[in-house]
Amino acid sequence: MPSSKLDYSTPVRRIITSHDPKGVAIFASDDLLHPDDPTTAPAFSAPNESSAFGVIQIHRSRGFPADNQLQLKEVHKTLVPLADTKGAHCRIVDLPPAEASWIHRTLSLDYVVVLKGEVTLIIDGGVEKTLKEQDVVVMRGTNHEWVNRGKELARVFAVLVPSKEIVTDEGVRLTKTEAGDIFDPKEEDD
């Protein structure tokens, strides 16, 4: 029986389908992707004990609705904004045990599934929920922070879809948190 312990060396198999020139479904790629520490870009070294997290960039569309005829660009081992402004983005994040993280807001609708371990989701005012394996969060542009208070690495799967800006009843615009060049690089023009 496989061990339930997850470490940074655990890869993810990513299979991408497409079509041949006649419209027949094909397997475009079948790759094993290993987590990277984005703070080590452009080398993208493997995360270690001092890394804040590991990330596997799975896929990124460049518009909405997605255009499945566009040539695929490899997103793994690239810097990708926390939340894209042009299309959906899919990633896996490995969170090591930690006491605190970073509260931030993205202008996105996020679907997050806990694959392994346990994580705590903290929102404004310190309100929190602990999530276990198979729990799902639908996050609608809220301030949030992910903290792994366990003893083993936790792994979450997230799909982020760009959203409109949120404006409160008092007219206050809730903007995204500035994250710097590593976590919020300038989006390239397509």
Protein backbone atom coordinates (compact mmCIF):
# COMPACT_ATOMS: atom_id res chain seq x y z
CA MET A 1 0.00 0.00 0.00
CA PRO A 2 1.49 3.42 -0.95
CA SER A 3 2.51 5.85 1.76
CA SER A 4 0.17 8.80 2.37
CA LYS A 5 3.16 11.03 3.10
CA LEU A 6 3.69 13.60 0.39
CA ASP A 7 7.03 15.23 -0.21
CA TYR A 8 8.33 17.76 -2.69
CA SER A 9 9.65 15.01 -4.94
CA THR A 10 6.16 13.70 -5.73
CA PRO A 11 5.52 14.44 -9.42
CA VAL A 12 2.20 14.93 -11.19
CA ARG A 13 1.44 13.22 -14.46
CA ARG A 14 -0.06 15.75 -16.89
CA ILE A 15 -1.72 14.48 -20.05
CA ILE A 16 -2.92 17.00 -22.62
CA THR A 17 -5.28 16.06 -25.43
CA SER A 18 -5.73 17.84 -28.75
CA HIS A 19 -6.69 17.11 -32.37
CA ASP A 20 -4.79 16.13 -35.46
CA PRO A 21 -5.26 18.18 -38.67
CA LYS A 22 -8.35 16.08 -39.55
CA GLY A 23 -10.01 16.68 -36.18
CA VAL A 24 -9.26 13.27 -34.66
CA ALA A 25 -8.56 13.34 -30.91
CA ILE A 26 -4.93 12.73 -29.98
CA PHE A 27 -2.72 12.77 -26.92
CA ALA A 28 -0.60 15.90 -27.43
CA SER A 29 1.65 15.25 -24.43
CA ASP A 30 2.18 12.99 -21.43
CA ASP A 31 4.67 14.42 -18.94
CA LEU A 32 5.76 14.01 -15.34
CA LEU A 33 5.99 17.45 -13.72
CA HIS A 34 7.92 18.03 -10.51
CA PRO A 35 7.28 20.92 -8.08
CA ASP A 36 9.45 24.00 -8.40
CA ASP A 37 10.27 26.88 -6.09
CA PRO A 38 9.26 29.99 -8.09
CA THR A 39 11.59 32.20 -6.05
CA THR A 40 14.51 30.43 -7.77
CA ALA A 41 13.44 31.54 -11.29
CA PRO A 42 14.73 31.32 -13.92
CA ALA A 43 16.51 28.15 -12.71
CA PHE A 44 13.31 26.82 -11.09
CA SER A 45 15.06 24.61 -8.55
CA ALA A 46 13.24 21.97 -6.56
CA PRO A 47 11.74 23.25 -3.30
CA ASN A 48 13.59 22.47 -0.08
CA GLU A 49 13.11 22.91 3.69
CA SER A 50 13.44 26.69 3.43
CA SER A 51 10.97 27.10 0.53
CA ALA A 52 7.64 28.79 1.27
CA PHE A 53 5.94 26.36 -1.11
CA GLY A 54 6.34 24.32 -4.27
CA VAL A 55 4.29 24.81 -7.41
CA ILE A 56 3.46 22.81 -10.50
CA GLN A 57 2.01 24.94 -13.29
CA ILE A 58 -0.41 22.64 -15.13
CA HIS A 59 -2.14 24.70 -17.81
CA ARG A 60 -3.07 28.24 -18.73
CA SER A 61 -5.63 29.38 -21.29
CA ARG A 62 -5.15 32.77 -22.91
CA GLY A 63 -8.78 33.82 -23.20
CA PHE A 64 -12.34 33.14 -22.22
CA PRO A 65 -13.93 31.14 -23.58
CA ALA A 66 -10.78 29.11 -24.11
CA ASP A 67 -9.54 28.61 -27.66
CA ASN A 68 -8.65 24.93 -27.96
CA GLN A 69 -7.04 25.53 -31.35
CA LEU A 70 -4.28 27.81 -30.07
CA GLN A 71 -0.77 26.40 -30.07
CA LEU A 72 0.03 25.26 -26.53
CA LYS A 73 2.67 27.20 -24.62
CA GLU A 74 4.46 25.32 -21.85
CA VAL A 75 3.67 26.94 -18.50
CA HIS A 76 5.57 24.60 -16.20
CA LYS A 77 8.83 26.20 -15.05
CA THR A 78 7.55 29.67 -15.91
CA LEU A 79 6.47 32.60 -13.77
CA VAL A 80 2.71 32.94 -13.94
CA PRO A 81 0.60 35.62 -12.21
CA LEU A 82 -1.23 34.58 -9.06
CA ALA A 83 -4.39 35.13 -11.11
CA ASP A 84 -4.37 35.68 -14.84
CA THR A 85 -6.42 38.50 -16.35
CA LYS A 86 -6.98 36.80 -19.71
CA GLY A 87 -7.92 33.19 -19.05
CA ALA A 88 -8.15 30.29 -16.63
CA HIS A 89 -5.05 28.94 -14.95
CA CYS A 90 -4.56 25.56 -13.29
CA ARG A 91 -1.82 24.71 -10.79
CA ILE A 92 -0.89 22.43 -7.91
CA VAL A 93 0.65 23.97 -4.80
CA ASP A 94 2.58 22.06 -2.12
CA LEU A 95 2.43 23.80 1.26
CA PRO A 96 4.96 22.82 3.93
CA PRO A 97 4.08 23.10 7.63
CA ALA A 98 4.19 26.76 8.68
CA GLU A 99 2.74 29.07 11.32
CA ALA A 100 1.77 31.85 8.94
CA SER A 101 1.56 32.63 5.28
CA TRP A 102 0.55 35.76 3.41
CA ILE A 103 -2.92 37.30 3.20
CA HIS A 104 -3.75 38.36 -0.33
CA ARG A 105 -6.58 38.96 -2.78
CA THR A 106 -6.71 37.93 -6.42
CA LEU A 107 -9.27 39.18 -8.91
CA SER A 108 -10.41 35.68 -9.69
CA LEU A 109 -12.93 32.97 -9.02
CA ASP A 110 -10.90 30.09 -7.55
CA TYR A 111 -11.79 26.42 -7.25
CA VAL A 112 -9.45 24.75 -4.77
CA VAL A 113 -9.39 21.03 -3.84
CA VAL A 114 -7.26 19.62 -1.03
CA LEU A 115 -5.55 16.55 -2.49
CA LYS A 116 -3.32 15.59 0.46
CA GLY A 117 -2.96 16.72 4.04
CA GLU A 118 -4.78 19.47 5.81
CA VAL A 119 -4.72 23.25 5.33
CA THR A 120 -6.33 26.17 7.10
CA LEU A 121 -7.99 28.89 5.06
CA ILE A 122 -7.97 32.25 6.86
CA ILE A 123 -10.04 35.20 5.63
CA ASP A 124 -10.61 38.79 6.86
CA GLY A 125 -10.76 39.22 10.63
CA GLY A 126 -8.85 35.99 11.23
CA VAL A 127 -11.93 33.85 10.54
CA GLU A 128 -10.77 30.38 9.50
CA LYS A 129 -11.81 26.93 8.36
CA THR A 130 -9.65 23.81 8.39
CA LEU A 131 -9.85 21.78 5.20
CA LYS A 132 -9.08 18.10 4.89
CA GLU A 133 -8.45 15.84 1.91
CA GLN A 134 -11.23 16.04 -0.70
CA ASP A 135 -12.63 19.32 0.70
CA VAL A 136 -13.39 21.96 -1.94
CA VAL A 137 -13.37 25.75 -1.65
CA VAL A 138 -15.00 28.17 -4.08
CA MET A 139 -13.26 31.49 -3.44
CA ARG A 140 -14.84 34.59 -4.91
CA GLY A 141 -12.15 37.28 -4.83
CA THR A 142 -11.80 37.36 -1.04
CA ASN A 143 -8.73 38.20 1.02
CA HIS A 144 -7.26 34.88 2.08
CA GLU A 145 -4.27 33.05 3.47
CA TRP A 146 -3.38 29.34 3.31
CA VAL A 147 -1.57 27.84 6.31
CA ASN A 148 -0.49 24.23 6.82
CA ARG A 149 -0.51 23.65 10.59
CA GLY A 150 0.14 19.94 10.19
CA LYS A 151 3.39 17.99 10.28
CA GLU A 152 3.51 16.88 6.64
CA LEU A 153 3.39 18.65 3.30
CA ALA A 154 -0.12 19.45 2.06
CA ARG A 155 -1.05 19.53 -1.63
CA VAL A 156 -3.87 21.57 -3.17
CA PHE A 157 -5.17 21.72 -6.73
CA ALA A 158 -6.45 25.12 -7.89
CA VAL A 159 -8.15 26.51 -10.97
CA LEU A 160 -8.31 30.31 -11.12
CA VAL A 161 -10.66 32.09 -13.51
CA PRO A 162 -10.34 35.88 -14.03
CA SER A 163 -13.15 37.88 -12.46
CA LYS A 164 -14.52 41.37 -12.54
CA GLU A 165 -13.40 43.84 -9.91
CA ILE A 166 -15.47 43.81 -6.71
CA VAL A 167 -17.04 47.11 -5.66
CA THR A 168 -18.68 47.34 -2.23
CA ASP A 169 -22.07 48.98 -1.61
CA GLU A 170 -20.12 52.06 -0.45
CA GLY A 171 -18.27 52.23 -3.77
CA VAL A 172 -14.93 50.90 -2.44
CA ARG A 173 -12.99 48.96 -5.07
CA LEU A 174 -11.40 45.77 -3.74
CA THR A 175 -8.18 45.51 -5.72
CA LYS A 176 -5.74 42.64 -6.07
CA THR A 177 -2.80 42.45 -3.70
CA GLU A 178 0.46 43.51 -5.31
CA ALA A 179 2.77 40.51 -5.20
CA GLY A 180 6.01 41.55 -6.93
CA ASP A 181 7.74 40.20 -10.01
CA ILE A 182 8.01 36.59 -8.83
CA PHE A 183 4.37 36.03 -7.85
CA ASP A 184 2.75 38.57 -10.15
CA PRO A 185 4.92 38.93 -13.25
CA LYS A 186 3.80 41.15 -16.09
CA GLU A 187 1.51 39.23 -18.41
CA GLU A 188 2.88 38.72 -21.87
CA ASP A 189 0.99 39.92 -24.95
CA ASP A 190 -0.35 37.17 -27.15
